[in-house]
N, C-alpha and C. Protein backbone atom coordinates (compact mmCIF):
# COMPACT_ATOMS: atom_id res chain seq x y z
N MET A 1 108.10 80.33 72.13
CA MET A 1 107.30 81.68 71.93
C MET A 1 106.87 82.44 72.87
N PHE A 2 107.09 83.96 73.13
CA PHE A 2 106.55 84.78 74.33
C PHE A 2 105.31 85.27 73.55
N VAL A 3 104.39 85.63 74.50
CA VAL A 3 102.89 86.35 74.31
C VAL A 3 103.05 87.40 75.33
N LYS A 4 102.62 88.38 74.85
CA LYS A 4 102.32 89.95 75.96
C LYS A 4 100.99 89.81 76.13
N PHE A 5 100.74 90.11 77.68
CA PHE A 5 99.41 90.45 77.99
C PHE A 5 99.62 91.65 78.97
N VAL A 6 98.73 92.04 79.74
CA VAL A 6 98.23 92.92 80.67
C VAL A 6 98.05 92.26 82.06
N SER A 7 98.83 92.56 83.33
CA SER A 7 98.59 91.77 84.40
C SER A 7 97.37 92.69 85.29
N THR A 8 96.73 92.22 86.27
CA THR A 8 96.16 92.95 86.96
C THR A 8 96.64 94.20 87.59
N ASP A 9 97.73 94.32 87.81
CA ASP A 9 98.19 95.76 88.19
C ASP A 9 98.78 96.67 86.89
N ARG A 10 98.25 96.07 86.01
CA ARG A 10 98.48 96.87 84.62
C ARG A 10 99.96 97.20 84.05
N VAL A 11 100.77 96.35 84.36
CA VAL A 11 101.84 96.33 83.97
C VAL A 11 101.95 95.24 82.87
N PRO A 12 102.65 95.46 81.73
CA PRO A 12 102.67 94.31 80.85
C PRO A 12 103.68 93.24 81.30
N THR A 13 103.08 91.97 80.90
CA THR A 13 103.69 90.80 81.53
C THR A 13 103.70 90.00 80.30
N VAL A 14 104.90 89.14 80.06
CA VAL A 14 105.34 88.26 79.14
C VAL A 14 105.01 86.89 79.37
N VAL A 15 104.68 86.11 78.54
CA VAL A 15 104.36 84.56 79.03
C VAL A 15 105.23 83.85 78.05
N ASN A 16 106.14 82.68 78.55
CA ASN A 16 106.23 81.94 77.64
C ASN A 16 105.18 80.98 77.20
N ALA A 17 104.72 80.79 76.12
CA ALA A 17 103.75 79.70 75.65
C ALA A 17 104.04 78.51 75.89
N ALA A 18 105.14 77.94 75.94
CA ALA A 18 105.41 76.46 75.90
C ALA A 18 105.43 75.94 77.27
N GLN A 19 105.59 76.97 78.53
CA GLN A 19 105.38 76.53 79.79
C GLN A 19 103.92 76.86 80.64
N VAL A 20 102.98 77.05 79.85
CA VAL A 20 101.70 77.20 80.62
C VAL A 20 101.43 75.91 80.50
N THR A 21 100.70 75.65 81.80
CA THR A 21 100.21 74.32 82.00
C THR A 21 98.71 74.29 82.36
N PHE A 22 98.18 75.62 82.54
CA PHE A 22 96.69 75.33 82.94
C PHE A 22 96.04 76.81 82.87
N ILE A 23 94.87 77.10 82.33
CA ILE A 23 94.61 78.54 82.32
C ILE A 23 93.29 78.52 83.34
N SER A 24 92.86 79.33 83.62
CA SER A 24 91.05 79.51 84.09
C SER A 24 90.78 80.83 84.22
N SER A 25 89.23 80.96 84.29
CA SER A 25 88.90 82.29 84.44
C SER A 25 88.66 82.59 85.75
N VAL A 26 89.10 83.96 86.29
CA VAL A 26 88.82 84.55 87.58
C VAL A 26 88.08 85.78 87.39
N ASP A 27 87.71 86.24 88.30
CA ASP A 27 86.97 87.40 88.65
C ASP A 27 87.52 88.74 87.93
N GLU A 28 89.29 88.79 88.02
CA GLU A 28 89.85 89.79 87.76
C GLU A 28 90.66 89.58 86.10
N GLY A 29 90.33 88.19 85.49
CA GLY A 29 90.49 88.03 84.18
C GLY A 29 90.85 86.94 83.87
N THR A 30 92.02 86.38 83.59
CA THR A 30 92.29 84.97 83.58
C THR A 30 93.59 84.54 84.20
N ARG A 31 93.70 83.49 84.82
CA ARG A 31 94.81 82.89 85.41
C ARG A 31 95.64 82.14 84.51
N ILE A 32 96.80 82.44 84.40
CA ILE A 32 97.52 81.38 83.65
C ILE A 32 98.61 80.73 84.56
N ARG A 33 98.67 79.64 84.35
CA ARG A 33 99.77 78.82 85.75
C ARG A 33 100.43 77.99 84.80
N PHE A 34 101.88 77.90 85.55
CA PHE A 34 103.12 77.24 84.78
C PHE A 34 103.13 76.12 85.96
N GLY A 35 104.52 75.63 85.52
CA GLY A 35 104.64 74.76 86.78
C GLY A 35 105.48 75.01 87.75
N GLU A 36 105.74 74.19 88.96
CA GLU A 36 106.36 74.64 90.15
C GLU A 36 105.24 75.49 90.75
N GLY A 37 103.85 75.56 90.86
CA GLY A 37 102.98 76.55 91.46
C GLY A 37 103.05 78.22 91.22
N ARG A 38 103.49 78.24 89.95
CA ARG A 38 103.52 79.41 89.35
C ARG A 38 102.38 80.28 88.63
N SER A 39 101.94 81.43 88.96
CA SER A 39 101.02 81.83 88.40
C SER A 39 100.89 83.24 87.84
N VAL A 40 100.05 83.79 87.25
CA VAL A 40 99.81 85.31 86.72
C VAL A 40 98.49 85.52 86.46
N THR A 41 98.02 86.65 86.66
CA THR A 41 96.60 86.52 86.44
C THR A 41 96.68 87.76 85.43
N VAL A 42 96.05 87.95 84.62
CA VAL A 42 96.03 88.62 83.49
C VAL A 42 94.56 89.44 83.03
N THR A 43 94.58 90.44 82.73
CA THR A 43 92.99 91.43 82.23
C THR A 43 92.47 90.61 81.03
N GLU A 44 93.03 90.09 80.20
CA GLU A 44 92.37 89.64 79.21
C GLU A 44 91.65 88.55 79.35
N PRO A 45 90.24 88.51 78.86
CA PRO A 45 89.12 87.26 78.97
C PRO A 45 89.90 85.93 78.47
N MET A 46 89.32 84.85 78.97
CA MET A 46 89.91 83.67 78.88
C MET A 46 90.08 83.51 77.17
N ASP A 47 88.93 83.33 76.34
CA ASP A 47 88.91 83.31 75.08
C ASP A 47 89.94 84.34 74.31
N GLU A 48 90.44 85.37 74.61
CA GLU A 48 91.83 86.22 74.06
C GLU A 48 92.87 85.38 74.44
N VAL A 49 92.98 84.97 75.86
CA VAL A 49 94.60 84.21 75.80
C VAL A 49 94.40 82.99 75.04
N LEU A 50 93.64 82.27 75.28
CA LEU A 50 93.59 81.00 74.30
C LEU A 50 93.99 81.46 72.77
N ASP A 51 93.27 82.38 71.96
CA ASP A 51 93.53 82.52 70.82
C ASP A 51 95.23 82.94 70.95
N LYS A 52 95.73 83.71 71.57
CA LYS A 52 96.92 84.47 71.64
C LYS A 52 97.83 83.53 71.76
N LEU A 53 97.54 82.47 72.96
CA LEU A 53 98.60 81.30 73.05
C LEU A 53 98.35 80.42 71.63
N ASN A 54 97.40 79.81 71.53
CA ASN A 54 97.26 79.10 70.11
C ASN A 54 97.76 79.67 68.73
N ARG A 55 97.92 81.01 68.88
CA ARG A 55 98.67 81.58 67.61
C ARG A 55 100.15 81.12 67.51
N THR A 56 100.52 81.19 68.74
CA THR A 56 102.35 80.71 68.76
C THR A 56 102.43 79.86 68.38
N HIS A 57 101.44 78.89 68.46
CA HIS A 57 101.62 77.24 67.77
C HIS A 57 101.54 77.11 66.21
N SER A 58 100.99 78.63 65.53
CA SER A 58 100.72 78.07 64.21
C SER A 58 101.99 79.10 63.24
N PHE A 59 102.34 78.17 62.80
CA PHE A 59 103.45 78.73 61.99
C PHE A 59 103.16 78.51 59.94
N PRO A 60 103.32 79.42 59.52
CA PRO A 60 103.26 79.23 58.10
C PRO A 60 103.70 78.32 57.41
N GLN A 61 103.08 77.79 56.53
CA GLN A 61 103.46 76.65 55.76
C GLN A 61 104.30 76.96 54.34
N ASP A 62 105.33 76.53 54.23
CA ASP A 62 106.22 76.93 52.76
C ASP A 62 105.73 76.07 51.97
């Protein structure tokens, strides 16, 4: 599932939540890390990033 954030250069950034390996708080916002040393820094605070990523794994029960 993909989640939309805003990168530090104000460009919309789409993240595949299944590939996130680590997140950390930085001065500019939140750094989201993926495998192979890739990362993106977004303006949203860590709590908001966690909430958005966690919601991708919440599927309605029938």
